Amino acid sequence: MAGKVMTKAQLVSLIADKAGTTKATANGILEILATTAVTETKKNGQFIIPGIGKLVKSNRKARMGRNPQTGAAIKIPAKTVVKFRVAKACKDAVVPGKR
């Protein structure tokens, strides 16, 4: 692994420094973003964060699977899941493609 993962406190400090505001304000903005992402995804099925990606609510069909211990066939019920799709600009910036 390249290094340690940024914590929420470190992200709040970075946002506060870059925006020239207090940590409390930056934390509030981060909380609003997270809450809005959840409510919009729940209501509309997706939430886009420009330049980063989007949260998408998706329905999985019922399917047949196998119990790995016994090998017995089992029915896996349908369910709703949330997926994150990374924006092309973000993907290209993090992992440049072959040219």
PDB file of N, CA and C in Angstrom:
ATOM      1  N   MET A   1       0.841  -1.176   0.000  1.00  0.00           N
ATOM      2  CA  MET A   1       0.000   0.000   0.000  1.00  0.00           C
ATOM      3  C   MET A   1       0.887   1.240   0.000  1.00  0.00           C
ATOM      4  N   ALA A   2       0.481   2.265  -0.698  1.00  0.00           N
ATOM      5  CA  ALA A   2       1.316   3.449  -0.885  1.00  0.00           C
ATOM      6  C   ALA A   2       1.459   4.295   0.376  1.00  0.00           C
ATOM      7  N   GLY A   3       0.423   4.377   1.179  1.00  0.00           N
ATOM      8  CA  GLY A   3       0.487   5.205   2.373  1.00  0.00           C
ATOM      9  C   GLY A   3      -0.765   5.049   3.201  1.00  0.00           C
ATOM     10  N   LYS A   4      -0.884   5.887   4.207  1.00  0.00           N
ATOM     11  CA  LYS A   4      -2.064   5.809   5.060  1.00  0.00           C
ATOM     12  C   LYS A   4      -3.256   6.483   4.389  1.00  0.00           C
ATOM     13  N   VAL A   5      -4.421   5.992   4.692  1.00  0.00           N
ATOM     14  CA  VAL A   5      -5.661   6.542   4.147  1.00  0.00           C
ATOM     15  C   VAL A   5      -6.026   7.812   4.917  1.00  0.00           C
ATOM     16  N   MET A   6      -6.514   8.814   4.195  1.00  0.00           N
ATOM     17  CA  MET A   6      -6.899  10.081   4.821  1.00  0.00           C
ATOM     18  C   MET A   6      -8.121   9.869   5.712  1.00  0.00           C
ATOM     19  N   THR A   7      -8.051  10.378   6.932  1.00  0.00           N
ATOM     20  CA  THR A   7      -9.177  10.269   7.859  1.00  0.00           C
ATOM     21  C   THR A   7     -10.151  11.419   7.623  1.00  0.00           C
ATOM     22  N   LYS A   8     -11.315  11.309   8.237  1.00  0.00           N
ATOM     23  CA  LYS A   8     -12.312  12.369   8.112  1.00  0.00           C
ATOM     24  C   LYS A   8     -11.771  13.673   8.702  1.00  0.00           C
ATOM     25  N   ALA A   9     -11.087  13.591   9.849  1.00  0.00           N
ATOM     26  CA  ALA A   9     -10.530  14.783  10.491  1.00  0.00           C
ATOM     27  C   ALA A   9      -9.506  15.462   9.578  1.00  0.00           C
ATOM     28  N   GLN A  10      -8.679  14.661   8.895  1.00  0.00           N
ATOM     29  CA  GLN A  10      -7.693  15.222   7.976  1.00  0.00           C
ATOM     30  C   GLN A  10      -8.379  15.871   6.773  1.00  0.00           C
ATOM     31  N   LEU A  11      -9.444  15.248   6.270  1.00  0.00           N
ATOM     32  CA  LEU A  11     -10.194  15.812   5.152  1.00  0.00           C
ATOM     33  C   LEU A  11     -10.851  17.129   5.553  1.00  0.00           C
ATOM     34  N   VAL A  12     -11.436  17.166   6.745  1.00  0.00           N
ATOM     35  CA  VAL A  12     -12.061  18.401   7.245  1.00  0.00           C
ATOM     36  C   VAL A  12     -11.014  19.506   7.362  1.00  0.00           C
ATOM     37  N   SER A  13      -9.830  19.191   7.890  1.00  0.00           N
ATOM     38  CA  SER A  13      -8.751  20.182   8.013  1.00  0.00           C
ATOM     39  C   SER A  13      -8.317  20.697   6.645  1.00  0.00           C
ATOM     40  N   LEU A  14      -8.188  19.802   5.675  1.00  0.00           N
ATOM     41  CA  LEU A  14      -7.787  20.181   4.322  1.00  0.00           C
ATOM     42  C   LEU A  14      -8.818  21.105   3.676  1.00  0.00           C
ATOM     43  N   ILE A  15     -10.096  20.741   3.809  1.00  0.00           N
ATOM     44  CA  ILE A  15     -11.165  21.579   3.243  1.00  0.00           C
ATOM     45  C   ILE A  15     -11.167  22.953   3.907  1.00  0.00           C
ATOM     46  N   ALA A  16     -11.024  22.989   5.226  1.00  0.00           N
ATOM     47  CA  ALA A  16     -11.010  24.259   5.960  1.00  0.00           C
ATOM     48  C   ALA A  16      -9.850  25.139   5.509  1.00  0.00           C
ATOM     49  N   ASP A  17      -8.664  24.543   5.353  1.00  0.00           N
ATOM     50  CA  ASP A  17      -7.489  25.304   4.918  1.00  0.00           C
ATOM     51  C   ASP A  17      -7.658  25.837   3.495  1.00  0.00           C
ATOM     52  N   LYS A  18      -8.107  24.979   2.571  1.00  0.00           N
ATOM     53  CA  LYS A  18      -8.251  25.373   1.162  1.00  0.00           C
ATOM     54  C   LYS A  18      -9.355  26.409   0.966  1.00  0.00           C
ATOM     55  N   ALA A  19     -10.434  26.298   1.752  1.00  0.00           N
ATOM     56  CA  ALA A  19     -11.564  27.216   1.606  1.00  0.00           C
ATOM     57  C   ALA A  19     -11.416  28.458   2.485  1.00  0.00           C
ATOM     58  N   GLY A  20     -10.413  28.468   3.373  1.00  0.00           N
ATOM     59  CA  GLY A  20     -10.219  29.610   4.255  1.00  0.00           C
ATOM     60  C   GLY A  20     -11.356  29.769   5.252  1.00  0.00           C
ATOM     61  N   THR A  21     -11.801  28.659   5.810  1.00  0.00           N
ATOM     62  CA  THR A  21     -12.912  28.683   6.755  1.00  0.00           C
ATOM     63  C   THR A  21     -12.539  27.851   7.987  1.00  0.00           C
ATOM     64  N   THR A  22     -13.466  27.736   8.913  1.00  0.00           N
ATOM     65  CA  THR A  22     -13.198  26.974  10.134  1.00  0.00           C
ATOM     66  C   THR A  22     -13.428  25.483   9.892  1.00  0.00           C
ATOM     67  N   LYS A  23     -12.871  24.682  10.780  1.00  0.00           N
ATOM     68  CA  LYS A  23     -13.068  23.237  10.691  1.00  0.00           C
ATOM     69  C   LYS A  23     -14.529  22.875  10.923  1.00  0.00           C
ATOM     70  N   ALA A  24     -15.206  23.615  11.783  1.00  0.00           N
ATOM     71  CA  ALA A  24     -16.621  23.351  12.066  1.00  0.00           C
ATOM     72  C   ALA A  24     -17.466  23.566  10.809  1.00  0.00           C
ATOM     73  N   THR A  25     -17.167  24.635  10.071  1.00  0.00           N
ATOM     74  CA  THR A  25     -17.899  24.913   8.832  1.00  0.00           C
ATOM     75  C   THR A  25     -17.608  23.840   7.794  1.00  0.00           C
ATOM     76  N   ALA A  26     -16.338  23.464   7.668  1.00  0.00           N
ATOM     77  CA  ALA A  26     -15.953  22.427   6.704  1.00  0.00           C
ATOM     78  C   ALA A  26     -16.610  21.095   7.051  1.00  0.00           C
ATOM     79  N   ASN A  27     -16.668  20.760   8.328  1.00  0.00           N
ATOM     80  CA  ASN A  27     -17.317  19.532   8.770  1.00  0.00           C
ATOM     81  C   ASN A  27     -18.811  19.570   8.448  1.00  0.00           C
ATOM     82  N   GLY A  28     -19.429  20.730   8.650  1.00  0.00           N
ATOM     83  CA  GLY A  28     -20.846  20.894   8.327  1.00  0.00           C
ATOM     84  C   GLY A  28     -21.113  20.685   6.843  1.00  0.00           C
ATOM     85  N   ILE A  29     -20.239  21.221   5.999  1.00  0.00           N
ATOM     86  CA  ILE A  29     -20.378  21.062   4.552  1.00  0.00           C
ATOM     87  C   ILE A  29     -20.255  19.587   4.165  1.00  0.00           C
ATOM     88  N   LEU A  30     -19.292  18.903   4.759  1.00  0.00           N
ATOM     89  CA  LEU A  30     -19.094  17.484   4.479  1.00  0.00           C
ATOM     90  C   LEU A  30     -20.312  16.665   4.910  1.00  0.00           C
ATOM     91  N   GLU A  31     -20.870  16.991   6.062  1.00  0.00           N
ATOM     92  CA  GLU A  31     -22.072  16.293   6.552  1.00  0.00           C
ATOM     93  C   GLU A  31     -23.267  16.547   5.627  1.00  0.00           C
ATOM     94  N   ILE A  32     -23.421  17.793   5.152  1.00  0.00           N
ATOM     95  CA  ILE A  32     -24.510  18.127   4.230  1.00  0.00           C
ATOM     96  C   ILE A  32     -24.359  17.342   2.929  1.00  0.00           C
ATOM     97  N   LEU A  33     -23.133  17.249   2.417  1.00  0.00           N
ATOM     98  CA  LEU A  33     -22.881  16.498   1.184  1.00  0.00           C
ATOM     99  C   LEU A  33     -23.258  15.034   1.356  1.00  0.00           C
ATOM    100  N   ALA A  34     -22.837  14.418   2.460  1.00  0.00           N
ATOM    101  CA  ALA A  34     -23.134  13.008   2.709  1.00  0.00           C
ATOM    102  C   ALA A  34     -24.642  12.772   2.869  1.00  0.00           C
ATOM    103  N   THR A  35     -25.305  13.632   3.621  1.00  0.00           N
ATOM    104  CA  THR A  35     -26.746  13.497   3.837  1.00  0.00           C
ATOM    105  C   THR A  35     -27.516  13.682   2.537  1.00  0.00           C
ATOM    106  N   THR A  36     -27.129  14.680   1.751  1.00  0.00           N
ATOM    107  CA  THR A  36     -27.782  14.940   0.474  1.00  0.00           C
ATOM    108  C   THR A  36     -27.587  13.766  -0.481  1.00  0.00           C
ATOM    109  N   ALA A  37     -26.392  13.194  -0.504  1.00  0.00           N
ATOM    110  CA  ALA A  37     -26.114  12.048  -1.371  1.00  0.00           C
ATOM    111  C   ALA A  37     -27.036  10.880  -1.032  1.00  0.00           C
ATOM    112  N   VAL A  38     -27.223  10.611   0.242  1.00  0.00           N
ATOM    113  CA  VAL A  38     -28.079   9.503   0.673  1.00  0.00           C
ATOM    114  C   VAL A  38     -29.542   9.771   0.318  1.00  0.00           C
ATOM    115  N   THR A  39     -30.035  10.970   0.645  1.00  0.00           N
ATOM    116  CA  THR A  39     -31.452  11.250   0.392  1.00  0.00           C
ATOM    117  C   THR A  39     -31.775  11.310  -1.095  1.00  0.00           C
ATOM    118  N   GLU A  40     -30.899  11.898  -1.903  1.00  0.00           N
ATOM    119  CA  GLU A  40     -31.138  11.986  -3.344  1.00  0.00           C
ATOM    120  C   GLU A  40     -31.059  10.620  -4.017  1.00  0.00           C
ATOM    121  N   THR A  41     -30.117   9.788  -3.593  1.00  0.00           N
ATOM    122  CA  THR A  41     -30.007   8.447  -4.155  1.00  0.00           C
ATOM    123  C   THR A  41     -31.244   7.630  -3.803  1.00  0.00           C
ATOM    124  N   LYS A  42     -31.704   7.783  -2.578  1.00  0.00           N
ATOM    125  CA  LYS A  42     -32.904   7.073  -2.130  1.00  0.00           C
ATOM    126  C   LYS A  42     -34.134   7.525  -2.909  1.00  0.00           C
ATOM    127  N   LYS A  43     -34.252   8.842  -3.139  1.00  0.00           N
ATOM    128  CA  LYS A  43     -35.430   9.419  -3.794  1.00  0.00           C
ATOM    129  C   LYS A  43     -35.388   9.277  -5.310  1.00  0.00           C
ATOM    130  N   ASN A  44     -34.270   9.629  -5.946  1.00  0.00           N
ATOM    131  CA  ASN A  44     -34.182   9.689  -7.409  1.00  0.00           C
ATOM    132  C   ASN A  44     -33.436   8.531  -8.052  1.00  0.00           C
ATOM    133  N   GLY A  45     -32.795   7.686  -7.261  1.00  0.00           N
ATOM    134  CA  GLY A  45     -32.073   6.554  -7.814  1.00  0.00           C
ATOM    135  C   GLY A  45     -30.625   6.841  -8.156  1.00  0.00           C
ATOM    136  N   GLN A  46     -30.213   8.117  -8.121  1.00  0.00           N
ATOM    137  CA  GLN A  46     -28.806   8.439  -8.361  1.00  0.00           C
ATOM    138  C   GLN A  46     -28.459   9.811  -7.817  1.00  0.00           C
ATOM    139  N   PHE A  47     -27.164  10.005  -7.538  1.00  0.00           N
ATOM    140  CA  PHE A  47     -26.647  11.291  -7.071  1.00  0.00           C
ATOM    141  C   PHE A  47     -25.277  11.481  -7.687  1.00  0.00           C
ATOM    142  N   ILE A  48     -25.100  12.578  -8.422  1.00  0.00           N
ATOM    143  CA  ILE A  48     -23.853  12.832  -9.136  1.00  0.00           C
ATOM    144  C   ILE A  48     -22.990  13.829  -8.368  1.00  0.00           C
ATOM    145  N   ILE A  49     -21.722  13.478  -8.192  1.00  0.00           N
ATOM    146  CA  ILE A  49     -20.724  14.389  -7.659  1.00  0.00           C
ATOM    147  C   ILE A  49     -19.820  14.722  -8.846  1.00  0.00           C
ATOM    148  N   PRO A  50     -19.992  15.903  -9.448  1.00  0.00           N
ATOM    149  CA  PRO A  50     -19.252  16.232 -10.671  1.00  0.00           C
ATOM    150  C   PRO A  50     -17.744  16.042 -10.514  1.00  0.00           C
ATOM    151  N   GLY A  51     -17.158  15.378 -11.491  1.00  0.00           N
ATOM    152  CA  GLY A  51     -15.717  15.156 -11.494  1.00  0.00           C
ATOM    153  C   GLY A  51     -15.258  13.961 -10.681  1.00  0.00           C
ATOM    154  N   ILE A  52     -16.141  13.387  -9.867  1.00  0.00           N
ATOM    155  CA  ILE A  52     -15.770  12.243  -9.035  1.00  0.00           C
ATOM    156  C   ILE A  52     -16.528  10.986  -9.455  1.00  0.00           C
ATOM    157  N   GLY A  53     -17.851  11.074  -9.522  1.00  0.00           N
ATOM    158  CA  GLY A  53     -18.649   9.924  -9.920  1.00  0.00           C
ATOM    159  C   GLY A  53     -20.078  10.069  -9.463  1.00  0.00           C
ATOM    160  N   LYS A  54     -20.798   8.949  -9.466  1.00  0.00           N
ATOM    161  CA  LYS A  54     -22.177   9.008  -9.018  1.00  0.00           C
ATOM    162  C   LYS A  54     -22.578   7.764  -8.257  1.00  0.00           C
ATOM    163  N   LEU A  55     -23.460   7.965  -7.284  1.00  0.00           N
ATOM    164  CA  LEU A  55     -24.078   6.869  -6.544  1.00  0.00           C
ATOM    165  C   LEU A  55     -25.314   6.460  -7.329  1.00  0.00           C
ATOM    166  N   VAL A  56     -25.501   5.162  -7.527  1.00  0.00           N
ATOM    167  CA  VAL A  56     -26.635   4.676  -8.301  1.00  0.00           C
ATOM    168  C   VAL A  56     -27.321   3.555  -7.530  1.00  0.00           C
ATOM    169  N   LYS A  57     -28.656   3.678  -7.407  1.00  0.00           N
ATOM    170  CA  LYS A  57     -29.446   2.622  -6.783  1.00  0.00           C
ATOM    171  C   LYS A  57     -29.785   1.618  -7.877  1.00  0.00           C
ATOM    172  N   SER A  58     -29.545   0.325  -7.612  1.00  0.00           N
ATOM    173  CA  SER A  58     -29.722  -0.702  -8.631  1.00  0.00           C
ATOM    174  C   SER A  58     -30.480  -1.884  -8.042  1.00  0.00           C
ATOM    175  N   ASN A  59     -31.299  -2.518  -8.869  1.00  0.00           N
ATOM    176  CA  ASN A  59     -32.045  -3.699  -8.438  1.00  0.00           C
ATOM    177  C   ASN A  59     -31.351  -4.950  -8.959  1.00  0.00           C
ATOM    178  N   ARG A  60     -31.095  -5.893  -8.065  1.00  0.00           N
ATOM    179  CA  ARG A  60     -30.518  -7.185  -8.453  1.00  0.00           C
ATOM    180  C   ARG A  60     -31.653  -8.192  -8.545  1.00  0.00           C
ATOM    181  N   LYS A  61     -31.645  -8.993  -9.593  1.00  0.00           N
ATOM    182  CA  LYS A  61     -32.662 -10.019  -9.768  1.00  0.00           C
ATOM    183  C   LYS A  61     -32.383 -11.190  -8.837  1.00  0.00           C
ATOM    184  N   ALA A  62     -33.443 -11.964  -8.562  1.00  0.00           N
ATOM    185  CA  ALA A  62     -33.275 -13.202  -7.807  1.00  0.00           C
ATOM    186  C   ALA A  62     -32.476 -14.160  -8.686  1.00  0.00           C
ATOM    187  N   ARG A  63     -31.638 -14.995  -8.055  1.00  0.00           N
ATOM    188  CA  ARG A  63     -30.818 -15.915  -8.839  1.00  0.00           C
ATOM    189  C   ARG A  63     -30.500 -17.157  -8.020  1.00  0.00           C
ATOM    190  N   MET A  64     -29.986 -18.137  -8.706  1.00  0.00           N
ATOM    191  CA  MET A  64     -29.566 -19.367  -8.037  1.00  0.00           C
ATOM    192  C   MET A  64     -28.068 -19.262  -7.736  1.00  0.00           C
ATOM    193  N   GLY A  65     -27.690 -19.737  -6.561  1.00  0.00           N
ATOM    194  CA  GLY A  65     -26.301 -19.725  -6.170  1.00  0.00           C
ATOM    195  C   GLY A  65     -25.933 -21.062  -5.548  1.00  0.00           C
ATOM    196  N   ARG A  66     -24.740 -21.164  -5.028  1.00  0.00           N
ATOM    197  CA  ARG A  66     -24.291 -22.405  -4.390  1.00  0.00           C
ATOM    198  C   ARG A  66     -23.737 -22.106  -3.004  1.00  0.00           C
ATOM    199  N   ASN A  67     -24.062 -22.976  -2.067  1.00  0.00           N
ATOM    200  CA  ASN A  67     -23.463 -22.904  -0.746  1.00  0.00           C
ATOM    201  C   ASN A  67     -22.035 -23.414  -0.897  1.00  0.00           C
ATOM    202  N   PRO A  68     -21.017 -22.583  -0.616  1.00  0.00           N
ATOM    203  CA  PRO A  68     -19.638 -23.011  -0.842  1.00  0.00           C
ATOM    204  C   PRO A  68     -19.193 -24.184   0.034  1.00  0.00           C
ATOM    205  N   GLN A  69     -19.831 -24.382   1.182  1.00  0.00           N
ATOM    206  CA  GLN A  69     -19.432 -25.480   2.067  1.00  0.00           C
ATOM    207  C   GLN A  69     -20.007 -26.822   1.627  1.00  0.00           C
ATOM    208  N   THR A  70     -21.294 -26.799   1.253  1.00  0.00           N
ATOM    209  CA  THR A  70     -21.954 -28.066   0.924  1.00  0.00           C
ATOM    210  C   THR A  70     -22.112 -28.279  -0.574  1.00  0.00           C
ATOM    211  N   GLY A  71     -22.051 -27.206  -1.351  1.00  0.00           N
ATOM    212  CA  GLY A  71     -22.260 -27.315  -2.792  1.00  0.00           C
ATOM    213  C   GLY A  71     -23.726 -27.348  -3.166  1.00  0.00           C
ATOM    214  N   ALA A  72     -24.608 -27.248  -2.183  1.00  0.00           N
ATOM    215  CA  ALA A  72     -26.044 -27.298  -2.443  1.00  0.00           C
ATOM    216  C   ALA A  72     -26.502 -26.012  -3.122  1.00  0.00           C
ATOM    217  N   ALA A  73     -27.465 -26.152  -4.057  1.00  0.00           N
ATOM    218  CA  ALA A  73     -28.026 -24.992  -4.742  1.00  0.00           C
ATOM    219  C   ALA A  73     -28.935 -24.239  -3.780  1.00  0.00           C
ATOM    220  N   ILE A  74     -28.819 -22.912  -3.775  1.00  0.00           N
ATOM    221  CA  ILE A  74     -29.687 -22.082  -2.933  1.00  0.00           C
ATOM    222  C   ILE A  74     -30.246 -20.942  -3.772  1.00  0.00           C
ATOM    223  N   LYS A  75     -31.416 -20.473  -3.386  1.00  0.00           N
ATOM    224  CA  LYS A  75     -32.030 -19.350  -4.093  1.00  0.00           C
ATOM    225  C   LYS A  75     -31.634 -18.064  -3.381  1.00  0.00           C
ATOM    226  N   ILE A  76     -31.038 -17.133  -4.135  1.00  0.00           N
ATOM    227  CA  ILE A  76     -30.646 -15.835  -3.592  1.00  0.00           C
ATOM    228  C   ILE A  76     -31.747 -14.852  -3.969  1.00  0.00           C
ATOM    229  N   PRO A  77     -32.411 -14.220  -2.997  1.00  0.00           N
ATOM    230  CA  PRO A  77     -33.545 -13.345  -3.307  1.00  0.00           C
ATOM    231  C   PRO A  77     -33.125 -12.042  -3.991  1.00  0.00           C
ATOM    232  N   ALA A  78     -34.078 -11.419  -4.673  1.00  0.00           N
ATOM    233  CA  ALA A  78     -33.846 -10.120  -5.302  1.00  0.00           C
ATOM    234  C   ALA A  78     -33.624  -9.087  -4.206  1.00  0.00           C
ATOM    235  N   LYS A  79     -32.800  -8.072  -4.507  1.00  0.00           N
ATOM    236  CA  LYS A  79     -32.587  -7.006  -3.531  1.00  0.00           C
ATOM    237  C   LYS A  79     -32.116  -5.743  -4.229  1.00  0.00           C
ATOM    238  N   THR A  80     -32.217  -4.633  -3.521  1.00  0.00           N
ATOM    239  CA  THR A  80     -31.759  -3.349  -4.021  1.00  0.00           C
ATOM    240  C   THR A  80     -30.397  -3.059  -3.410  1.00  0.00           C
ATOM    241  N   VAL A  81     -29.453  -2.611  -4.255  1.00  0.00           N
ATOM    242  CA  VAL A  81     -28.099  -2.306  -3.799  1.00  0.00           C
ATOM    243  C   VAL A  81     -27.714  -0.904  -4.269  1.00  0.00           C
ATOM    244  N   VAL A  82     -26.671  -0.341  -3.668  1.00  0.00           N
ATOM    245  CA  VAL A  82     -26.148   0.956  -4.082  1.00  0.00           C
ATOM    246  C   VAL A  82     -24.755   0.722  -4.655  1.00  0.00           C
ATOM    247  N   LYS A  83     -24.500   1.292  -5.843  1.00  0.00           N
ATOM    248  CA  LYS A  83     -23.205   1.167  -6.497  1.00  0.00           C
ATOM    249  C   LYS A  83     -22.621   2.562  -6.689  1.00  0.00           C
ATOM    250  N   PHE A  84     -21.289   2.636  -6.761  1.00  0.00           N
ATOM    251  CA  PHE A  84     -20.624   3.897  -7.059  1.00  0.00           C
ATOM    252  C   PHE A  84     -19.911   3.750  -8.386  1.00  0.00           C
ATOM    253  N   ARG A  85     -20.239   4.609  -9.333  1.00  0.00           N
ATOM    254  CA  ARG A  85     -19.600   4.589 -10.644  1.00  0.00           C
ATOM    255  C   ARG A  85     -18.651   5.783 -10.730  1.00  0.00           C
ATOM    256  N   VAL A  86     -17.391   5.497 -10.938  1.00  0.00           N
ATOM    257  CA  VAL A  86     -16.360   6.535 -10.984  1.00  0.00           C
ATOM    258  C   VAL A  86     -16.439   7.272 -12.319  1.00  0.00           C
ATOM    259  N   ALA A  87     -16.355   8.598 -12.267  1.00  0.00           N
ATOM    260  CA  ALA A  87     -16.381   9.427 -13.472  1.00  0.00           C
ATOM    261  C   ALA A  87     -15.123   9.179 -14.296  1.00  0.00           C
ATOM    262  N   LYS A  88     -15.258   9.278 -15.614  1.00  0.00           N
ATOM    263  CA  LYS A  88     -14.136   9.034 -16.512  1.00  0.00           C
ATOM    264  C   LYS A  88     -12.976   9.980 -16.221  1.00  0.00           C
ATOM    265  N   ALA A  89     -13.257  11.250 -15.974  1.00  0.00           N
ATOM    266  CA  ALA A  89     -12.202  12.227 -15.692  1.00  0.00           C
ATOM    267  C   ALA A  89     -11.411  11.826 -14.439  1.00  0.00           C
ATOM    268  N   CYS A  90     -12.094  11.355 -13.419  1.00  0.00           N
ATOM    269  CA  CYS A  90     -11.440  10.923 -12.174  1.00  0.00           C
ATOM    270  C   CYS A  90     -10.624   9.667 -12.423  1.00  0.00           C
ATOM    271  N   LYS A  91     -11.199   8.722 -13.140  1.00  0.00           N
ATOM    272  CA  LYS A  91     -10.508   7.468 -13.441  1.00  0.00           C
ATOM    273  C   LYS A  91      -9.233   7.731 -14.233  1.00  0.00           C
ATOM    274  N   ASP A  92      -9.323   8.597 -15.243  1.00  0.00           N
ATOM    275  CA  ASP A  92      -8.156   8.917 -16.069  1.00  0.00           C
ATOM    276  C   ASP A  92      -7.083   9.663 -15.275  1.00  0.00           C
ATOM    277  N   ALA A  93      -7.504  10.487 -14.307  1.00  0.00           N
ATOM    278  CA  ALA A  93      -6.537  11.241 -13.496  1.00  0.00           C
ATOM    279  C   ALA A  93      -5.803  10.316 -12.515  1.00  0.00           C
ATOM    280  N   VAL A  94      -6.519   9.330 -11.970  1.00  0.00           N
ATOM    281  CA  VAL A  94      -5.914   8.419 -10.993  1.00  0.00           C
ATOM    282  C   VAL A  94      -5.092   7.338 -11.682  1.00  0.00           C
ATOM    283  N   VAL A  95      -5.664   6.742 -12.730  1.00  0.00           N
ATOM    284  CA  VAL A  95      -4.996   5.662 -13.458  1.00  0.00           C
ATOM    285  C   VAL A  95      -5.000   6.031 -14.941  1.00  0.00           C
ATOM    286  N   PRO A  96      -3.944   6.729 -15.414  1.00  0.00           N
ATOM    287  CA  PRO A  96      -3.915   7.133 -16.814  1.00  0.00           C
ATOM    288  C   PRO A  96      -3.945   5.924 -17.740  1.00  0.00           C
ATOM    289  N   GLY A  97      -4.737   6.044 -18.804  1.00  0.00           N
ATOM    290  CA  GLY A  97      -4.852   4.956 -19.764  1.00  0.00           C
ATOM    291  C   GLY A  97      -3.651   4.901 -20.681  1.00  0.00           C
ATOM    292  N   LYS A  98      -3.575   3.817 -21.455  1.00  0.00           N
ATOM    293  CA  LYS A  98      -2.482   3.679 -22.432  1.00  0.00           C
ATOM    294  C   LYS A  98      -2.727   4.607 -23.598  1.00  0.00           C
ATOM    295  N   ARG A  99      -1.669   5.215 -24.085  1.00  0.00           N
ATOM    296  CA  ARG A  99      -1.814   6.136 -25.225  1.00  0.00           C
ATOM    297  C   ARG A  99      -0.955   5.709 -26.349  1.00  0.00           C
TER     298      ARG A  99
END
